[in-house]
Amino acid sequence: MRRRTLASVVMAAVAVALPAATAGAGRLTTVDVGNGFYGPSAKTIKQGDKVRFKWIPSLDMHNVHVKSGPERFKSPTQAAGTWTRRFSKPGKFVLYCTEHADMTMKLTVNKRR
């Protein structure tokens, strides 16, 4: 009898924890970083989602910095590779490359409900 009770308690705990863990994980979206552009130039995600910035290999160096938004961050300056960031605060971000000031992107982070 005790084994069944213990098993029931464990199963109930897993049933409650699993959806919560999955919901908190967020989604992953990819943004290309290329010569003079971010692709797409505008994107909407939800709070807790991750964005993987993927450099299209080139001779030019690029990065991702926050021009305006609820959080500040900056990526490494590089010519190839990836860099991932989780967005925990909702709001509107304007991102830009410090190497190419006219290279911008608008990112909207909506509250997760």
N, C-alpha and C. Protein backbone atom coordinates (compact mmCIF):
# COMPACT_ATOMS: atom_id res chain seq x y z
N MET A 1 0.82 -1.19 0.00
CA MET A 1 0.00 0.00 0.00
C MET A 1 0.86 1.26 0.00
N ARG A 2 1.94 1.25 0.79
CA ARG A 2 2.81 2.42 0.84
C ARG A 2 3.48 2.68 -0.50
N ARG A 3 3.86 1.61 -1.19
CA ARG A 3 4.50 1.78 -2.50
C ARG A 3 3.56 2.47 -3.48
N ARG A 4 2.31 2.05 -3.48
CA ARG A 4 1.35 2.67 -4.38
C ARG A 4 1.15 4.15 -4.04
N THR A 5 1.09 4.46 -2.78
CA THR A 5 0.92 5.85 -2.36
C THR A 5 2.13 6.68 -2.77
N LEU A 6 3.33 6.16 -2.53
CA LEU A 6 4.54 6.85 -2.89
C LEU A 6 4.61 7.03 -4.42
N ALA A 7 4.29 5.99 -5.15
CA ALA A 7 4.29 6.07 -6.61
C ALA A 7 3.28 7.11 -7.09
N SER A 8 2.13 7.16 -6.49
CA SER A 8 1.11 8.15 -6.87
C SER A 8 1.59 9.57 -6.61
N VAL A 9 2.25 9.78 -5.48
CA VAL A 9 2.76 11.10 -5.14
C VAL A 9 3.84 11.52 -6.13
N VAL A 10 4.75 10.61 -6.45
CA VAL A 10 5.82 10.92 -7.40
C VAL A 10 5.24 11.22 -8.78
N MET A 11 4.29 10.43 -9.24
CA MET A 11 3.68 10.66 -10.55
C MET A 11 2.95 11.99 -10.59
N ALA A 12 2.27 12.34 -9.51
CA ALA A 12 1.56 13.62 -9.46
C ALA A 12 2.55 14.79 -9.50
N ALA A 13 3.66 14.65 -8.80
CA ALA A 13 4.67 15.71 -8.80
C ALA A 13 5.28 15.89 -10.19
N VAL A 14 5.55 14.79 -10.87
CA VAL A 14 6.10 14.86 -12.22
C VAL A 14 5.08 15.49 -13.17
N ALA A 15 3.82 15.13 -13.04
CA ALA A 15 2.76 15.67 -13.90
C ALA A 15 2.63 17.18 -13.74
N VAL A 16 2.86 17.69 -12.54
CA VAL A 16 2.79 19.13 -12.29
C VAL A 16 4.06 19.82 -12.77
N ALA A 17 5.21 19.23 -12.52
CA ALA A 17 6.49 19.87 -12.83
C ALA A 17 6.81 19.88 -14.32
N LEU A 18 6.44 18.84 -15.04
CA LEU A 18 6.81 18.74 -16.45
C LEU A 18 6.24 19.86 -17.31
N PRO A 19 4.95 20.17 -17.26
CA PRO A 19 4.46 21.30 -18.07
C PRO A 19 5.08 22.63 -17.66
N ALA A 20 5.34 22.82 -16.37
CA ALA A 20 5.95 24.06 -15.91
C ALA A 20 7.36 24.20 -16.47
N ALA A 21 8.12 23.13 -16.48
CA ALA A 21 9.48 23.17 -17.01
C ALA A 21 9.46 23.42 -18.51
N THR A 22 8.54 22.81 -19.21
CA THR A 22 8.44 22.98 -20.66
C THR A 22 8.02 24.41 -20.99
N ALA A 23 7.07 24.96 -20.24
CA ALA A 23 6.59 26.31 -20.50
C ALA A 23 7.69 27.34 -20.27
N GLY A 24 8.56 27.11 -19.29
CA GLY A 24 9.62 28.05 -18.98
C GLY A 24 10.79 27.98 -19.95
N ALA A 25 10.85 26.92 -20.73
CA ALA A 25 11.99 26.73 -21.61
C ALA A 25 12.00 27.74 -22.75
N GLY A 26 10.85 28.17 -23.21
CA GLY A 26 10.78 29.12 -24.31
C GLY A 26 11.15 28.49 -25.63
N ARG A 27 10.98 29.27 -26.68
CA ARG A 27 11.29 28.80 -28.03
C ARG A 27 12.61 29.40 -28.48
N LEU A 28 13.16 28.79 -29.50
CA LEU A 28 14.41 29.26 -30.10
C LEU A 28 14.12 29.73 -31.51
N THR A 29 14.55 30.94 -31.83
CA THR A 29 14.42 31.46 -33.17
C THR A 29 15.80 31.92 -33.63
N THR A 30 16.04 31.90 -34.93
CA THR A 30 17.35 32.27 -35.46
C THR A 30 17.24 33.56 -36.28
N VAL A 31 18.21 34.43 -36.08
CA VAL A 31 18.34 35.67 -36.84
C VAL A 31 19.70 35.63 -37.52
N ASP A 32 19.72 35.82 -38.83
CA ASP A 32 20.98 35.88 -39.56
C ASP A 32 21.64 37.24 -39.38
N VAL A 33 22.96 37.22 -39.26
CA VAL A 33 23.75 38.44 -39.19
C VAL A 33 24.66 38.41 -40.42
N GLY A 34 24.40 39.33 -41.37
CA GLY A 34 25.15 39.32 -42.61
C GLY A 34 25.75 40.67 -42.92
N ASN A 35 26.32 40.79 -44.09
CA ASN A 35 26.94 42.05 -44.50
C ASN A 35 25.88 43.13 -44.67
N GLY A 36 25.72 43.96 -43.65
CA GLY A 36 24.81 45.08 -43.71
C GLY A 36 23.37 44.78 -43.33
N PHE A 37 23.09 43.61 -42.76
CA PHE A 37 21.70 43.30 -42.42
C PHE A 37 21.58 42.29 -41.29
N TYR A 38 20.43 42.35 -40.63
CA TYR A 38 19.94 41.29 -39.76
C TYR A 38 18.73 40.72 -40.50
N GLY A 39 18.61 39.42 -40.53
CA GLY A 39 17.47 38.83 -41.23
C GLY A 39 16.71 37.87 -40.33
N PRO A 40 15.48 38.20 -40.02
CA PRO A 40 14.67 39.31 -40.52
C PRO A 40 15.03 40.62 -39.81
N SER A 41 14.56 41.72 -40.38
CA SER A 41 14.86 43.03 -39.80
C SER A 41 13.90 43.39 -38.67
N ALA A 42 12.82 42.62 -38.53
CA ALA A 42 11.87 42.79 -37.43
C ALA A 42 11.36 41.41 -37.02
N LYS A 43 11.20 41.20 -35.72
CA LYS A 43 10.77 39.90 -35.21
C LYS A 43 10.03 40.10 -33.91
N THR A 44 9.01 39.28 -33.67
CA THR A 44 8.28 39.28 -32.40
C THR A 44 8.42 37.91 -31.77
N ILE A 45 8.80 37.90 -30.49
CA ILE A 45 8.95 36.67 -29.74
C ILE A 45 8.22 36.83 -28.41
N LYS A 46 8.24 35.79 -27.60
CA LYS A 46 7.62 35.85 -26.26
C LYS A 46 8.71 35.88 -25.19
N GLN A 47 8.34 36.45 -24.06
CA GLN A 47 9.22 36.51 -22.90
C GLN A 47 9.73 35.10 -22.57
N GLY A 48 11.03 34.97 -22.38
CA GLY A 48 11.64 33.68 -22.07
C GLY A 48 12.17 32.96 -23.30
N ASP A 49 11.81 33.44 -24.49
CA ASP A 49 12.33 32.83 -25.72
C ASP A 49 13.80 33.19 -25.91
N LYS A 50 14.49 32.37 -26.70
CA LYS A 50 15.89 32.63 -27.04
C LYS A 50 15.99 33.01 -28.51
N VAL A 51 16.95 33.86 -28.80
CA VAL A 51 17.29 34.20 -30.18
C VAL A 51 18.74 33.77 -30.40
N ARG A 52 18.93 32.96 -31.43
CA ARG A 52 20.29 32.58 -31.83
C ARG A 52 20.66 33.47 -33.02
N PHE A 53 21.67 34.30 -32.82
CA PHE A 53 22.18 35.14 -33.89
C PHE A 53 23.24 34.31 -34.62
N LYS A 54 23.05 34.14 -35.92
CA LYS A 54 23.92 33.28 -36.72
C LYS A 54 24.62 34.12 -37.78
N TRP A 55 25.93 34.27 -37.63
CA TRP A 55 26.72 35.04 -38.56
C TRP A 55 26.89 34.27 -39.87
N ILE A 56 26.61 34.95 -40.97
CA ILE A 56 26.90 34.40 -42.28
C ILE A 56 28.37 34.73 -42.52
N PRO A 57 29.22 33.73 -42.65
CA PRO A 57 30.66 33.99 -42.73
C PRO A 57 31.01 35.04 -43.80
N SER A 58 31.84 36.00 -43.38
CA SER A 58 32.28 37.06 -44.30
C SER A 58 33.59 37.63 -43.80
N LEU A 59 34.13 38.55 -44.53
CA LEU A 59 35.35 39.24 -44.10
C LEU A 59 35.04 40.36 -43.11
N ASP A 60 33.80 40.86 -43.14
CA ASP A 60 33.40 41.94 -42.24
C ASP A 60 33.04 41.40 -40.85
N MET A 61 33.36 42.19 -39.85
CA MET A 61 33.03 41.86 -38.47
C MET A 61 31.69 42.53 -38.13
N HIS A 62 30.86 41.81 -37.36
CA HIS A 62 29.55 42.32 -36.94
C HIS A 62 29.31 41.95 -35.49
N ASN A 63 28.34 42.63 -34.88
CA ASN A 63 27.92 42.32 -33.51
C ASN A 63 26.46 42.71 -33.34
N VAL A 64 25.94 42.45 -32.16
CA VAL A 64 24.56 42.79 -31.82
C VAL A 64 24.59 43.56 -30.51
N HIS A 65 24.20 44.84 -30.56
CA HIS A 65 24.14 45.68 -29.37
C HIS A 65 22.74 46.27 -29.25
N VAL A 66 22.36 46.62 -28.03
CA VAL A 66 21.06 47.26 -27.80
C VAL A 66 21.20 48.77 -27.92
N LYS A 67 20.46 49.33 -28.86
CA LYS A 67 20.40 50.79 -28.99
C LYS A 67 19.37 51.34 -28.00
N SER A 68 18.21 50.65 -27.91
CA SER A 68 17.19 50.99 -26.92
C SER A 68 16.42 49.73 -26.57
N GLY A 69 15.94 49.66 -25.33
CA GLY A 69 15.18 48.50 -24.89
C GLY A 69 15.24 48.34 -23.38
N PRO A 70 14.46 47.40 -22.85
CA PRO A 70 14.38 47.22 -21.41
C PRO A 70 15.61 46.54 -20.79
N GLU A 71 16.48 45.96 -21.60
CA GLU A 71 17.71 45.34 -21.11
C GLU A 71 18.86 45.77 -22.01
N ARG A 72 20.05 45.79 -21.47
CA ARG A 72 21.25 46.08 -22.25
C ARG A 72 22.09 44.81 -22.37
N PHE A 73 22.64 44.61 -23.54
CA PHE A 73 23.57 43.50 -23.76
C PHE A 73 24.36 43.78 -25.01
N LYS A 74 25.42 43.00 -25.20
CA LYS A 74 26.20 43.09 -26.43
C LYS A 74 26.81 41.72 -26.71
N SER A 75 26.84 41.41 -27.97
CA SER A 75 27.44 40.15 -28.40
C SER A 75 28.91 40.38 -28.68
N PRO A 76 29.65 39.30 -28.86
CA PRO A 76 31.02 39.47 -29.34
C PRO A 76 31.00 40.01 -30.78
N THR A 77 32.06 40.70 -31.16
CA THR A 77 32.23 41.13 -32.55
C THR A 77 32.96 40.00 -33.26
N GLN A 78 32.35 39.48 -34.32
CA GLN A 78 32.91 38.32 -35.00
C GLN A 78 32.50 38.31 -36.46
N ALA A 79 33.17 37.48 -37.26
CA ALA A 79 32.88 37.36 -38.69
C ALA A 79 32.10 36.09 -39.00
N ALA A 80 32.04 35.15 -38.06
CA ALA A 80 31.32 33.88 -38.25
C ALA A 80 30.97 33.31 -36.88
N GLY A 81 30.06 32.35 -36.87
CA GLY A 81 29.68 31.70 -35.61
C GLY A 81 28.26 32.04 -35.19
N THR A 82 27.95 31.73 -33.94
CA THR A 82 26.62 32.01 -33.39
C THR A 82 26.78 32.59 -31.99
N TRP A 83 25.70 33.22 -31.55
CA TRP A 83 25.61 33.74 -30.19
C TRP A 83 24.13 33.73 -29.82
N THR A 84 23.80 33.20 -28.64
CA THR A 84 22.41 33.05 -28.23
C THR A 84 22.12 33.88 -26.99
N ARG A 85 20.93 34.47 -26.98
CA ARG A 85 20.49 35.32 -25.86
C ARG A 85 19.05 34.98 -25.52
N ARG A 86 18.76 34.77 -24.22
CA ARG A 86 17.38 34.60 -23.75
C ARG A 86 16.85 35.97 -23.36
N PHE A 87 15.62 36.26 -23.78
CA PHE A 87 15.00 37.56 -23.49
C PHE A 87 13.99 37.39 -22.36
N SER A 88 14.36 37.90 -21.18
CA SER A 88 13.53 37.70 -20.00
C SER A 88 12.62 38.89 -19.69
N LYS A 89 12.89 40.03 -20.29
CA LYS A 89 12.05 41.21 -20.03
C LYS A 89 11.27 41.58 -21.29
N PRO A 90 9.96 41.78 -21.14
CA PRO A 90 9.17 42.19 -22.31
C PRO A 90 9.46 43.64 -22.68
N GLY A 91 9.22 43.95 -23.94
CA GLY A 91 9.41 45.31 -24.41
C GLY A 91 9.89 45.35 -25.85
N LYS A 92 10.20 46.54 -26.29
CA LYS A 92 10.67 46.74 -27.67
C LYS A 92 12.16 47.06 -27.65
N PHE A 93 12.90 46.30 -28.44
CA PHE A 93 14.33 46.48 -28.56
C PHE A 93 14.67 47.00 -29.95
N VAL A 94 15.63 47.91 -30.02
CA VAL A 94 16.25 48.28 -31.29
C VAL A 94 17.69 47.80 -31.17
N LEU A 95 18.07 46.90 -32.06
CA LEU A 95 19.41 46.32 -32.05
C LEU A 95 20.20 46.91 -33.20
N TYR A 96 21.52 47.02 -33.02
CA TYR A 96 22.36 47.56 -34.09
C TYR A 96 23.76 46.97 -33.99
N CYS A 97 24.50 47.14 -35.06
CA CYS A 97 25.89 46.70 -35.15
C CYS A 97 26.78 47.92 -34.94
N THR A 98 27.69 47.87 -33.98
CA THR A 98 28.56 49.02 -33.74
C THR A 98 29.56 49.23 -34.87
N GLU A 99 29.77 48.20 -35.68
CA GLU A 99 30.68 48.32 -36.82
C GLU A 99 29.98 48.97 -38.03
N HIS A 100 28.64 48.87 -38.07
CA HIS A 100 27.85 49.39 -39.18
C HIS A 100 26.56 49.97 -38.61
N ALA A 101 26.58 51.23 -38.22
CA ALA A 101 25.49 51.86 -37.47
C ALA A 101 24.14 51.82 -38.19
N ASP A 102 24.14 51.71 -39.52
CA ASP A 102 22.86 51.66 -40.24
C ASP A 102 22.29 50.24 -40.28
N MET A 103 22.99 49.29 -39.71
CA MET A 103 22.53 47.89 -39.64
C MET A 103 21.71 47.74 -38.36
N THR A 104 20.36 47.71 -38.48
CA THR A 104 19.49 47.69 -37.31
C THR A 104 18.43 46.60 -37.44
N MET A 105 17.84 46.31 -36.30
CA MET A 105 16.76 45.32 -36.23
C MET A 105 15.82 45.73 -35.10
N LYS A 106 14.52 45.51 -35.30
CA LYS A 106 13.53 45.75 -34.25
C LYS A 106 13.06 44.40 -33.74
N LEU A 107 13.15 44.23 -32.42
CA LEU A 107 12.72 42.99 -31.78
C LEU A 107 11.70 43.32 -30.70
N THR A 108 10.52 42.73 -30.81
CA THR A 108 9.47 42.92 -29.81
C THR A 108 9.37 41.66 -28.98
N VAL A 109 9.41 41.82 -27.65
CA VAL A 109 9.28 40.69 -26.73
C VAL A 109 7.96 40.87 -25.98
N ASN A 110 6.99 40.01 -26.28
CA ASN A 110 5.68 40.07 -25.63
C ASN A 110 5.69 39.27 -24.34
N LYS A 111 4.88 39.70 -23.38
CA LYS A 111 4.74 38.97 -22.11
C LYS A 111 4.20 37.58 -22.39
N ARG A 112 4.78 36.60 -21.73
CA ARG A 112 4.29 35.23 -21.84
C ARG A 112 3.10 35.10 -20.91
N ARG A 113 2.02 34.54 -21.41
CA ARG A 113 0.80 34.38 -20.60
C ARG A 113 0.48 32.94 -20.39
